[in-house]
N, C-alpha and C. Protein backbone atom coordinates (compact mmCIF):
# COMPACT_ATOMS: atom_id res chain seq x y z
N MET A 1 98.09 108.48 107.33
CA MET A 1 99.41 107.94 106.83
C MET A 1 100.34 107.65 107.85
N CYS A 2 101.21 106.62 107.63
CA CYS A 2 102.17 106.23 108.55
C CYS A 2 103.48 107.02 108.44
N ASN A 3 103.89 107.49 109.58
CA ASN A 3 105.11 108.38 109.60
C ASN A 3 104.96 109.53 108.61
N ASN A 4 103.74 110.06 108.45
CA ASN A 4 103.66 111.22 107.57
C ASN A 4 104.24 110.92 106.28
N GLN A 5 104.31 109.90 105.65
CA GLN A 5 104.81 109.54 104.28
C GLN A 5 103.74 109.62 103.36
N LYS A 6 103.93 110.10 102.19
CA LYS A 6 102.96 109.98 101.13
C LYS A 6 103.73 110.00 99.68
N ASP A 7 103.69 108.90 99.28
CA ASP A 7 104.37 108.69 97.84
C ASP A 7 103.56 107.78 96.98
N ASP A 8 104.06 107.40 95.77
CA ASP A 8 103.30 106.83 94.81
C ASP A 8 103.54 105.24 94.93
N THR A 9 104.57 104.93 95.76
CA THR A 9 104.88 103.51 95.75
C THR A 9 104.54 102.95 97.10
N CYS A 10 103.92 101.92 97.15
CA CYS A 10 103.50 101.13 98.45
C CYS A 10 103.80 99.65 98.27
N CYS A 11 104.57 99.19 99.11
CA CYS A 11 104.90 97.75 98.86
C CYS A 11 103.62 96.93 99.13
N ILE A 12 102.72 97.42 100.06
CA ILE A 12 101.58 96.59 100.27
C ILE A 12 100.79 96.61 98.95
N SER A 13 100.77 97.83 98.30
CA SER A 13 100.02 97.83 96.94
C SER A 13 100.43 96.94 96.00
N GLU A 14 101.84 96.74 95.90
CA GLU A 14 102.34 95.76 95.07
C GLU A 14 102.11 94.24 95.36
N ILE A 15 102.03 93.88 96.68
CA ILE A 15 101.56 92.61 97.09
C ILE A 15 100.08 92.36 96.82
N LEU A 16 99.31 93.34 96.93
CA LEU A 16 97.78 93.24 96.88
C LEU A 16 97.51 93.15 95.31
N THR A 17 98.37 93.85 94.41
CA THR A 17 98.12 93.72 93.07
C THR A 17 98.41 92.32 92.56
N VAL A 18 99.60 91.73 92.99
CA VAL A 18 99.72 90.38 92.68
C VAL A 18 98.49 89.41 93.23
N ILE A 19 98.06 89.62 94.50
CA ILE A 19 97.01 88.70 94.91
C ILE A 19 95.80 88.97 93.97
N ASN A 20 95.47 90.25 93.52
CA ASN A 20 94.37 90.35 92.88
C ASN A 20 94.40 89.74 91.43
N ILE A 21 95.72 89.92 90.61
CA ILE A 21 95.91 89.15 89.62
C ILE A 21 95.69 87.54 89.68
N LEU A 22 96.36 87.01 90.91
CA LEU A 22 96.21 85.73 91.13
C LEU A 22 94.62 85.30 91.13
N GLN A 23 93.94 85.99 92.00
CA GLN A 23 92.56 85.70 92.10
C GLN A 23 91.72 85.57 90.79
N ASN A 24 92.11 86.64 89.97
CA ASN A 24 91.31 86.70 88.75
C ASN A 24 91.72 85.67 87.70
N ASN A 25 92.93 84.94 87.92
CA ASN A 25 93.20 84.01 87.02
C ASN A 25 93.73 82.70 87.94
N ALA A 26 92.71 82.45 88.71
CA ALA A 26 93.13 81.20 89.81
C ALA A 26 93.50 79.95 89.07
N GLU A 27 94.64 79.60 89.51
CA GLU A 27 95.11 78.26 89.04
C GLU A 27 95.49 77.40 90.32
N CYS A 28 95.81 76.33 90.17
CA CYS A 28 96.03 75.53 91.44
C CYS A 28 97.06 74.30 91.10
N PRO A 29 98.42 75.04 91.15
CA PRO A 29 99.70 74.16 91.01
C PRO A 29 99.60 73.09 92.19
N ASN A 30 100.53 72.19 92.00
CA ASN A 30 100.72 71.12 93.18
C ASN A 30 101.56 71.47 94.36
N THR A 31 102.49 72.53 94.20
CA THR A 31 103.33 72.93 95.20
C THR A 31 103.08 74.22 95.73
N CYS A 32 103.36 74.43 96.92
CA CYS A 32 102.91 75.78 97.77
C CYS A 32 104.01 76.31 98.62
N LEU A 33 104.52 77.45 98.36
CA LEU A 33 105.22 78.27 99.27
C LEU A 33 104.23 79.23 100.02
N ASP A 34 104.14 79.17 101.22
CA ASP A 34 103.16 79.74 102.12
C ASP A 34 103.48 81.04 102.43
N THR A 35 103.53 82.09 101.55
CA THR A 35 103.76 83.38 101.72
C THR A 35 102.67 84.23 100.95
N CYS A 36 102.56 85.58 101.25
CA CYS A 36 101.56 86.35 100.70
C CYS A 36 101.68 86.70 99.25
N ASP A 37 102.99 86.62 98.85
CA ASP A 37 103.28 87.07 97.40
C ASP A 37 103.55 85.77 96.78
N ARG A 38 103.33 84.64 96.98
CA ARG A 38 103.57 83.54 96.22
C ARG A 38 102.78 83.59 95.07
N GLY A 39 103.50 83.01 93.75
CA GLY A 39 102.84 83.38 92.61
C GLY A 39 101.74 82.57 92.10
N PHE A 40 101.03 81.84 92.80
CA PHE A 40 99.79 81.09 92.59
C PHE A 40 98.91 81.00 93.81
N LEU A 41 97.69 80.66 93.57
CA LEU A 41 96.81 80.43 94.64
C LEU A 41 96.93 78.95 94.89
N GLY A 42 97.18 78.51 96.30
CA GLY A 42 97.31 77.10 96.72
C GLY A 42 95.99 76.51 96.88
N CYS A 43 96.05 75.29 96.86
CA CYS A 43 94.84 74.38 97.21
C CYS A 43 95.09 73.45 98.43
N GLY A 44 94.01 73.38 99.03
CA GLY A 44 94.19 72.25 100.32
C GLY A 44 93.95 70.81 99.72
N THR A 45 93.60 69.97 100.54
CA THR A 45 93.32 68.64 100.28
C THR A 45 92.20 68.41 99.64
N THR A 46 91.35 69.42 99.68
CA THR A 46 89.93 69.12 99.03
C THR A 46 90.02 69.28 97.57
N THR A 47 88.99 69.07 96.79
CA THR A 47 88.88 69.23 95.27
C THR A 47 88.45 70.49 94.83
N VAL A 48 88.08 71.47 95.84
CA VAL A 48 87.52 72.64 95.60
C VAL A 48 88.82 73.49 95.14
N ARG A 49 88.51 74.29 93.89
CA ARG A 49 89.31 75.16 93.28
C ARG A 49 89.56 76.39 94.13
N CYS A 50 90.75 76.87 94.28
CA CYS A 50 91.02 78.00 95.18
C CYS A 50 90.70 79.34 94.30
N ASN A 51 89.95 80.27 94.69
CA ASN A 51 89.81 81.67 93.87
C ASN A 51 90.07 82.87 94.85
N THR A 52 90.50 82.63 96.00
CA THR A 52 90.61 83.84 96.92
C THR A 52 91.80 83.43 97.87
N ARG A 53 92.66 84.62 98.15
CA ARG A 53 93.41 84.57 99.18
C ARG A 53 93.14 85.69 100.26
N PRO A 54 92.36 85.22 101.17
CA PRO A 54 91.86 86.06 102.35
C PRO A 54 92.95 86.70 102.97
N ILE A 55 92.81 87.96 103.45
CA ILE A 55 93.66 88.68 104.01
C ILE A 55 93.04 89.43 105.22
N MET A 56 93.96 89.94 106.17
CA MET A 56 93.58 90.77 107.35
C MET A 56 94.53 91.87 107.25
N LEU A 57 93.88 93.08 107.50
CA LEU A 57 94.66 94.52 107.46
C LEU A 57 94.91 95.07 108.80
N TYR A 58 96.12 95.69 108.96
CA TYR A 58 96.31 96.22 110.24
C TYR A 58 96.88 97.69 109.98
N THR A 59 96.26 98.70 110.47
CA THR A 59 96.48 100.04 110.21
C THR A 59 97.54 100.55 111.32
N CYS A 60 98.20 101.65 110.90
CA CYS A 60 99.32 102.15 111.77
C CYS A 60 98.90 102.47 113.12
N GLY A 61 97.80 103.12 113.31
CA GLY A 61 97.20 103.48 114.55
C GLY A 61 96.25 102.39 115.30
N GLY A 62 96.37 101.29 114.82
CA GLY A 62 95.41 100.21 115.30
C GLY A 62 95.82 99.45 116.34
N ASN A 63 97.05 99.71 116.96
CA ASN A 63 97.82 99.04 118.18
C ASN A 63 97.57 97.55 118.04
N GLY A 64 97.81 97.04 116.86
CA GLY A 64 97.79 95.49 116.66
C GLY A 64 96.58 94.92 116.58
N VAL A 65 95.49 95.56 116.48
CA VAL A 65 94.06 95.04 116.32
C VAL A 65 93.70 95.08 114.83
N ALA A 66 93.23 94.01 114.36
CA ALA A 66 93.05 93.95 112.76
C ALA A 66 91.89 94.80 112.46
N TRP A 67 91.92 95.48 111.30
CA TRP A 67 90.79 96.28 110.91
C TRP A 67 89.63 95.42 110.71
N SER A 68 88.41 96.03 110.90
CA SER A 68 87.12 95.20 110.81
C SER A 68 86.00 96.31 110.06
N MET A 69 85.33 95.51 109.48
CA MET A 69 84.19 96.31 108.71
C MET A 69 82.95 95.56 108.87
N PRO A 70 81.77 96.30 108.83
CA PRO A 70 80.52 95.58 108.78
C PRO A 70 80.37 94.61 107.62
N THR A 71 79.55 93.50 107.86
CA THR A 71 79.26 92.61 106.63
C THR A 71 78.15 92.97 105.96
N THR A 72 77.49 94.03 106.16
CA THR A 72 76.22 94.55 105.38
C THR A 72 76.59 96.02 105.29
N LYS A 73 75.83 96.42 104.27
CA LYS A 73 75.73 97.95 104.14
C LYS A 73 75.15 98.74 105.11
N THR A 74 75.67 99.10 106.04
CA THR A 74 75.15 99.81 107.23
C THR A 74 75.70 100.94 107.58
N ASP A 75 75.01 102.10 108.18
CA ASP A 75 75.64 103.28 108.62
C ASP A 75 76.24 103.26 109.81
N ASP A 76 76.03 102.06 110.70
CA ASP A 76 76.42 101.86 111.93
C ASP A 76 77.87 101.28 111.86
N PRO A 77 78.65 101.59 112.62
CA PRO A 77 80.08 101.18 112.80
C PRO A 77 80.19 99.93 113.54
N CYS A 78 81.36 99.28 113.33
CA CYS A 78 81.67 98.04 114.12
C CYS A 78 81.60 98.31 115.51
N GLY A 79 81.06 97.43 116.31
CA GLY A 79 81.05 97.68 117.75
C GLY A 79 79.51 98.17 118.30
N THR A 80 78.87 98.53 117.30
CA THR A 80 77.46 98.94 117.68
C THR A 80 76.64 97.81 117.70
N ALA A 81 75.77 97.66 118.55
CA ALA A 81 74.91 96.51 118.95
C ALA A 81 74.28 96.08 117.63
N GLY A 82 74.24 94.89 117.33
CA GLY A 82 73.29 94.23 116.27
C GLY A 82 74.28 94.37 114.94
N VAL A 83 75.40 94.96 114.88
CA VAL A 83 76.16 95.03 113.73
C VAL A 83 77.17 93.95 113.74
N THR A 84 77.18 93.06 112.70
CA THR A 84 78.12 91.84 112.54
C THR A 84 79.30 92.46 111.73
N CYS A 85 80.48 92.24 112.08
CA CYS A 85 81.77 92.66 111.39
C CYS A 85 82.59 91.67 111.22
N SER A 86 83.55 91.89 110.31
CA SER A 86 84.48 90.91 110.01
C SER A 86 85.78 91.51 109.70
N SER A 87 86.95 90.91 110.03
CA SER A 87 88.17 91.39 109.73
C SER A 87 88.95 90.72 108.65
N VAL A 88 88.26 89.87 107.92
CA VAL A 88 88.78 88.92 106.73
C VAL A 88 88.23 89.72 105.51
N PHE A 89 89.26 89.97 104.59
CA PHE A 89 88.82 90.58 103.17
C PHE A 89 89.34 89.90 102.10
N ARG A 90 88.93 90.32 100.82
CA ARG A 90 89.39 89.65 99.56
C ARG A 90 89.56 91.07 98.83
N VAL A 91 90.80 91.22 98.29
CA VAL A 91 91.21 92.36 97.53
C VAL A 91 90.38 92.26 96.06
N GLU A 92 89.88 93.25 95.78
CA GLU A 92 89.04 93.37 94.44
C GLU A 92 89.63 94.23 93.52
N LYS A 93 90.34 95.34 93.88
CA LYS A 93 90.98 96.14 92.89
C LYS A 93 92.03 96.91 93.62
N VAL A 94 93.09 97.27 92.92
CA VAL A 94 94.26 98.05 93.30
C VAL A 94 94.45 99.27 92.34
N ASP A 95 94.46 100.39 92.78
CA ASP A 95 94.69 101.59 91.88
C ASP A 95 95.93 102.43 92.61
N GLY A 96 97.04 102.25 92.28
CA GLY A 96 98.22 102.95 92.98
C GLY A 96 98.11 102.61 94.46
N CYS A 97 97.85 103.60 95.29
CA CYS A 97 98.16 103.23 96.81
C CYS A 97 96.74 103.15 97.45
N CYS A 98 95.56 102.91 96.50
CA CYS A 98 94.42 102.59 97.01
C CYS A 98 93.86 101.31 96.56
N ALA A 99 93.15 100.59 97.47
CA ALA A 99 92.67 99.37 97.10
C ALA A 99 91.15 99.27 97.62
N THR A 100 90.31 98.43 96.77
CA THR A 100 88.97 98.10 97.21
C THR A 100 89.05 96.64 97.64
N PHE A 101 88.29 96.52 98.83
CA PHE A 101 88.29 95.16 99.40
C PHE A 101 86.71 94.80 99.58
N ARG A 102 86.45 93.60 99.43
CA ARG A 102 85.19 92.87 99.72
C ARG A 102 85.20 92.40 101.16
N VAL A 103 84.28 92.50 102.00
CA VAL A 103 84.30 91.91 103.42
C VAL A 103 83.83 90.57 103.28
N LEU A 104 84.68 89.63 103.74
CA LEU A 104 84.15 88.20 103.98
C LEU A 104 83.60 87.79 105.27
N ALA A 105 82.71 87.03 105.27
CA ALA A 105 82.09 86.68 106.47
C ALA A 105 82.22 85.18 106.87
N PRO A 106 82.36 84.85 107.94
CA PRO A 106 82.40 83.40 108.43
C PRO A 106 81.23 82.52 107.78
N ASN A 107 81.45 81.38 107.16
CA ASN A 107 80.39 80.57 106.65
C ASN A 107 79.48 80.12 107.59
N PRO A 108 78.22 80.43 107.51
CA PRO A 108 77.29 80.09 108.56
C PRO A 108 76.94 78.70 108.50
N ASP A 109 77.32 77.96 107.34
CA ASP A 109 76.98 76.52 107.21
C ASP A 109 78.21 75.68 107.95
N THR A 110 78.17 75.46 109.10
CA THR A 110 79.25 74.94 109.80
C THR A 110 79.47 73.50 109.26
N THR A 111 78.83 72.81 108.49
CA THR A 111 79.09 71.55 107.85
C THR A 111 80.09 71.82 106.61
N GLN A 112 79.90 72.95 106.12
CA GLN A 112 80.94 73.29 105.07
C GLN A 112 82.02 74.25 105.48
N ALA A 113 82.03 74.69 106.55
CA ALA A 113 83.06 75.66 106.95
C ALA A 113 84.55 75.28 106.88
N THR A 114 84.86 74.05 107.08
CA THR A 114 86.13 73.45 106.85
C THR A 114 86.49 73.41 105.30
N ILE A 115 85.78 73.44 104.55
CA ILE A 115 86.05 73.41 103.05
C ILE A 115 86.06 74.85 102.60
N THR A 116 85.06 75.60 102.73
CA THR A 116 84.75 76.94 102.44
C THR A 116 84.39 77.70 103.71
N PRO A 117 85.55 78.17 104.36
CA PRO A 117 85.41 79.02 105.63
C PRO A 117 84.80 80.34 105.46
N TYR A 118 84.60 80.96 104.42
CA TYR A 118 83.99 82.27 104.06
C TYR A 118 83.06 82.42 103.01
N VAL A 119 82.19 83.34 103.28
CA VAL A 119 81.14 83.51 102.22
C VAL A 119 81.44 85.16 101.89
N ALA A 120 81.08 85.44 100.60
CA ALA A 120 81.19 86.72 100.10
C ALA A 120 80.06 87.45 100.56
N THR A 121 80.32 88.88 100.80
CA THR A 121 79.24 89.71 101.14
C THR A 121 79.04 90.74 100.15
N ASN A 122 78.17 91.61 100.23
CA ASN A 122 77.93 92.79 99.26
C ASN A 122 78.48 94.19 99.93
N SER A 123 79.39 94.00 100.97
CA SER A 123 79.80 95.08 101.72
C SER A 123 81.36 95.42 101.17
N PHE A 124 81.64 96.47 100.62
CA PHE A 124 83.03 96.85 100.11
C PHE A 124 83.44 98.27 100.68
N PHE A 125 84.71 98.29 100.79
CA PHE A 125 85.48 99.51 101.21
C PHE A 125 86.54 99.82 100.55
N THR A 126 87.12 101.02 100.45
CA THR A 126 88.36 101.29 99.75
C THR A 126 89.14 102.03 100.75
N MET A 127 90.67 101.65 100.83
CA MET A 127 91.49 101.96 101.85
C MET A 127 92.57 102.73 101.16
N ASP A 128 93.15 103.85 101.70
CA ASP A 128 94.48 104.41 101.19
C ASP A 128 95.47 103.56 101.89
N LEU A 129 96.25 102.83 101.03
CA LEU A 129 97.29 101.88 101.65
C LEU A 129 98.37 102.46 102.36
N ASN A 130 98.52 103.85 102.38
CA ASN A 130 99.58 104.51 103.10
C ASN A 130 99.15 104.41 104.51
N CYS A 131 97.89 104.04 104.77
CA CYS A 131 97.32 103.89 106.30
C CYS A 131 97.58 102.54 106.68
N CYS A 132 97.75 101.58 105.85
CA CYS A 132 97.94 100.15 106.16
C CYS A 132 99.47 99.84 106.32
N CYS A 133 99.82 99.24 107.46
CA CYS A 133 101.32 98.83 107.61
C CYS A 133 101.52 97.38 107.59
N VAL A 134 100.43 96.51 107.75
CA VAL A 134 100.55 95.04 107.83
C VAL A 134 99.45 94.61 107.12
N ILE A 135 99.71 93.23 106.19
CA ILE A 135 98.62 92.47 105.80
C ILE A 135 99.17 91.17 106.24
N ARG A 136 98.11 90.36 106.63
CA ARG A 136 98.21 88.87 107.00
C ARG A 136 97.44 88.21 105.92
N CYS A 137 98.10 87.20 105.36
CA CYS A 137 97.49 86.31 104.41
C CYS A 137 96.91 85.05 105.24
N LEU A 138 95.73 84.82 104.88
CA LEU A 138 95.20 83.53 105.56
C LEU A 138 95.37 82.39 104.36
N GLN A 139 94.89 81.26 104.73
CA GLN A 139 94.95 80.02 103.83
C GLN A 139 94.01 80.28 102.48
N ASP A 140 94.62 80.03 101.42
CA ASP A 140 93.84 80.31 100.13
C ASP A 140 92.70 79.42 100.14
N THR A 141 91.46 79.72 99.49
CA THR A 141 90.31 79.15 99.56
C THR A 141 89.39 79.44 98.57
N PHE A 142 88.25 78.82 98.44
CA PHE A 142 87.21 79.05 97.51
C PHE A 142 86.15 79.76 98.15
N VAL A 143 85.92 80.91 97.68
CA VAL A 143 84.68 81.68 98.17
C VAL A 143 83.40 81.69 97.07
N GLU A 144 82.31 81.23 97.36
CA GLU A 144 81.16 81.16 96.65
C GLU A 144 80.75 82.46 96.27
N GLY A 145 80.38 82.75 94.96
CA GLY A 145 79.72 83.98 94.52
C GLY A 145 80.71 85.03 94.19
N ILE A 146 81.98 84.76 93.83
CA ILE A 146 82.88 85.60 93.59
C ILE A 146 82.87 85.63 92.08
């Protein structure tokens, strides 16, 4: 927990809830305010419809290093030889001050990476949002298989 605080309200939880709702009801309006809590998923210049607002998470004790998780269901932690990790996630569920995230991996198809920079993985984790002090939103995009 950050600063030994434990309560039922988390500003990050509220923002993640908005992102989750937007992803579940992906729309593509013409204008875009580039903030984490803008009320719609923005679209780029492509004709691909956005369905994800990728985020990065920073924990209270992480010293400014983004949280990362393995892209596969492995028992080995990030930093272990042969384990591919990512620090880009998609919020899948928010329940109070807990959230479940899907790990997104860079698109291995470099010819499509500018249009769809991430691919969905089958790697998920749940985080106590009291341990998360910063979220960084990346460009809204389309992720195949969501």
